[in-house]
Protein backbone atom coordinates (compact mmCIF):
# COMPACT_ATOMS: atom_id res chain seq x y z
CA UNK A 1 7.47 3.36 0.39
CA UNK A 2 8.92 3.46 3.90
CA UNK A 3 12.30 5.17 4.16
CA UNK A 4 15.02 5.21 6.80
CA UNK A 5 18.58 6.49 6.94
CA UNK A 6 21.56 4.28 6.31
CA UNK A 7 24.78 6.02 7.22
CA UNK A 8 27.79 5.17 5.08
CA UNK A 9 31.50 5.85 5.07
CA UNK A 10 33.68 6.17 1.99
CA UNK A 11 36.78 4.00 2.30
CA UNK A 12 38.15 4.99 -1.08
CA UNK A 13 38.23 8.05 -3.32
CA UNK A 14 36.93 5.71 -6.04
CA UNK A 15 33.73 4.83 -4.17
CA UNK A 16 30.32 5.98 -5.36
CA UNK A 17 27.20 6.55 -3.28
CA UNK A 18 24.61 3.79 -3.80
CA UNK A 19 21.83 4.99 -6.11
CA UNK A 20 18.31 3.77 -6.78
CA UNK A 21 17.93 3.62 -10.58
CA UNK A 22 14.21 4.40 -10.50
CA UNK A 23 11.75 5.79 -7.92
CA UNK A 24 10.31 2.32 -7.24
CA UNK A 25 13.57 0.34 -7.29
CA UNK A 26 13.92 -1.97 -4.29
CA UNK A 27 17.71 -2.23 -4.56
CA UNK A 28 20.32 0.52 -4.63
CA UNK A 29 23.12 0.00 -7.15
CA UNK A 30 26.63 -0.69 -5.87
CA UNK A 31 29.66 0.28 -7.95
CA UNK A 32 33.13 -1.19 -8.47
CA UNK A 33 35.63 1.03 -6.63
CA UNK A 34 38.55 0.46 -8.95
CA UNK A 35 40.63 2.62 -11.26
CA UNK A 36 41.16 -0.14 -13.82
CA UNK A 37 39.02 -2.78 -15.53
CA UNK A 38 38.74 -6.11 -13.71
CA UNK A 39 38.87 -9.24 -15.85
CA UNK A 40 36.90 -12.24 -14.61
CA UNK A 41 37.79 -15.43 -16.46
CA UNK A 42 35.15 -18.07 -17.22
CA UNK A 43 34.30 -19.95 -14.03
CA UNK A 44 36.33 -17.55 -11.87
CA UNK A 45 35.27 -15.57 -8.79
CA UNK A 46 36.81 -12.18 -8.08
CA UNK A 47 36.36 -10.04 -4.96
CA UNK A 48 35.29 -6.55 -6.08
CA UNK A 49 35.50 -3.71 -3.58
CA UNK A 50 32.83 -1.02 -3.36
CA UNK A 51 34.86 1.35 -1.20
CA UNK A 52 31.90 1.70 1.18
CA UNK A 53 31.02 0.66 4.72
CA UNK A 54 27.45 1.05 5.98
CA UNK A 55 25.65 1.38 9.29
CA UNK A 56 22.44 -0.62 8.96
CA UNK A 57 19.83 0.03 11.67
CA UNK A 58 19.15 -2.76 14.17
CA UNK A 59 16.32 -5.01 13.02
CA UNK A 60 17.31 -4.70 9.35
CA UNK A 61 19.63 -6.65 7.09
CA UNK A 62 21.34 -5.52 3.90
CA UNK A 63 20.99 -8.08 1.11
CA UNK A 64 23.27 -8.04 -1.93
CA UNK A 65 21.64 -9.27 -5.14
CA UNK A 66 22.75 -9.57 -8.77
CA UNK A 67 22.04 -6.81 -11.24
CA UNK A 68 19.72 -8.48 -13.73
CA UNK A 69 21.43 -7.19 -16.87
CA UNK A 70 24.93 -8.13 -15.73
CA UNK A 71 23.76 -11.60 -14.71
CA UNK A 72 21.46 -12.43 -17.64
CA UNK A 73 23.41 -10.82 -20.48
CA UNK A 74 27.00 -11.43 -19.35
CA UNK A 75 26.72 -14.27 -16.83
CA UNK A 76 28.29 -12.27 -13.96
CA UNK A 77 26.57 -12.44 -10.58
CA UNK A 78 27.43 -12.67 -6.88
CA UNK A 79 29.08 -16.03 -6.17
CA UNK A 80 27.04 -16.58 -3.00
CA UNK A 81 23.80 -15.67 -4.86
CA UNK A 82 22.64 -13.39 -2.02
CA UNK A 83 25.09 -11.62 0.25
CA UNK A 84 24.05 -10.85 3.81
CA UNK A 85 25.22 -7.69 5.61
CA UNK A 86 24.34 -7.84 9.29
CA UNK A 87 23.51 -4.64 11.16
CA UNK A 88 26.61 -4.97 13.37
CA UNK A 89 29.07 -5.24 10.43
CA UNK A 90 31.12 -2.10 9.79
CA UNK A 91 33.66 -3.38 7.25
CA UNK A 92 33.84 -2.71 3.55
CA UNK A 93 31.13 -4.12 1.32
CA UNK A 94 32.92 -6.46 -1.06
CA UNK A 95 31.02 -8.33 -3.77
CA UNK A 96 32.30 -11.78 -4.79
CA UNK A 97 31.46 -11.71 -8.50
CA UNK A 98 31.42 -15.03 -10.33
CA UNK A 99 31.58 -15.45 -14.09
CA UNK A 100 29.09 -18.18 -15.02
CA UNK A 101 29.70 -17.69 -18.75
CA UNK A 102 32.10 -19.57 -21.01
CA UNK A 103 34.17 -16.51 -21.87
CA UNK A 104 36.13 -13.89 -20.00
CA UNK A 105 34.12 -10.85 -18.83
CA UNK A 106 35.37 -7.39 -17.90
CA UNK A 107 33.95 -5.18 -15.16
CA UNK A 108 34.84 -1.57 -15.88
CA UNK A 109 36.02 0.91 -13.29
CA UNK A 110 32.96 2.46 -11.64
CA UNK A 111 30.54 -0.05 -13.22
CA UNK A 112 27.38 -1.10 -11.36
CA UNK A 113 28.13 -4.59 -10.02
CA UNK A 114 25.27 -5.51 -7.65
CA UNK A 115 22.30 -4.07 -5.82
CA UNK A 116 21.64 -3.76 -2.11
CA UNK A 117 18.17 -4.02 -0.59
CA UNK A 118 17.21 -3.63 3.07
CA UNK A 119 14.66 -5.85 4.80
CA UNK A 120 13.45 -6.14 8.37
CA UNK A 121 14.10 -9.48 10.01
CA UNK A 122 13.14 -11.41 13.11
CA UNK A 123 15.55 -13.56 15.12
CA UNK A 124 14.23 -17.01 16.00
CA UNK A 125 14.42 -18.79 19.31
CA UNK A 126 15.17 -22.44 18.57
CA UNK A 127 13.31 -25.03 20.58
CA UNK A 128 14.13 -28.73 20.26
CA UNK A 129 11.12 -31.03 19.89
CA UNK A 130 10.59 -34.79 19.75
CA UNK A 131 7.98 -34.38 16.99
CA UNK A 132 6.92 -31.69 14.54
CA UNK A 133 3.37 -30.97 13.38
CA UNK A 134 2.10 -32.87 10.33
CA UNK A 135 1.38 -31.17 7.01
CA UNK A 136 0.03 -32.39 3.68
CA UNK A 137 3.51 -32.13 2.13
CA UNK A 138 5.24 -33.80 5.07
CA UNK A 139 8.84 -34.75 4.34
CA UNK A 140 8.52 -34.27 0.56
CA UNK A 141 11.65 -32.46 -0.57
CA UNK A 142 13.11 -31.28 -3.84
CA UNK A 143 10.49 -31.39 -6.58
CA UNK A 144 7.86 -33.01 -4.40
CA UNK A 145 5.20 -30.43 -5.25
CA UNK A 146 5.48 -31.00 -9.01
CA UNK A 147 6.51 -28.86 -11.95
CA UNK A 148 3.26 -27.04 -12.79
């Protein structure tokens, strides 16, 4: 596994350093930087602070994903599905947690709320064209390739 340094700054005494839960984990866990439980009502979105800012190297992006247990067992996951942290952003990482369940859910102080993975990216140069190349799929959209 390739490693690189990501510098971080604590913005709160309640913040915790991101931690990989296993040696092969792709995402580092992010924690709620709060001193009290946070209630998220059914269908509600709440902004949860992590108390951290990061310095992501150029050419990489930080992606915020759901924690599988929190999402599948309690219905709580990032509202935007995948958060994007650009390498030039230096503000606090805040996770918009949405409660997809039918009952109120509580996020405890210091609980793991999301995971952050880093990926390299390439910026595109957009070029307008009169026509695009043909493919077998063509303009087939949602569901056009079948179910199985």
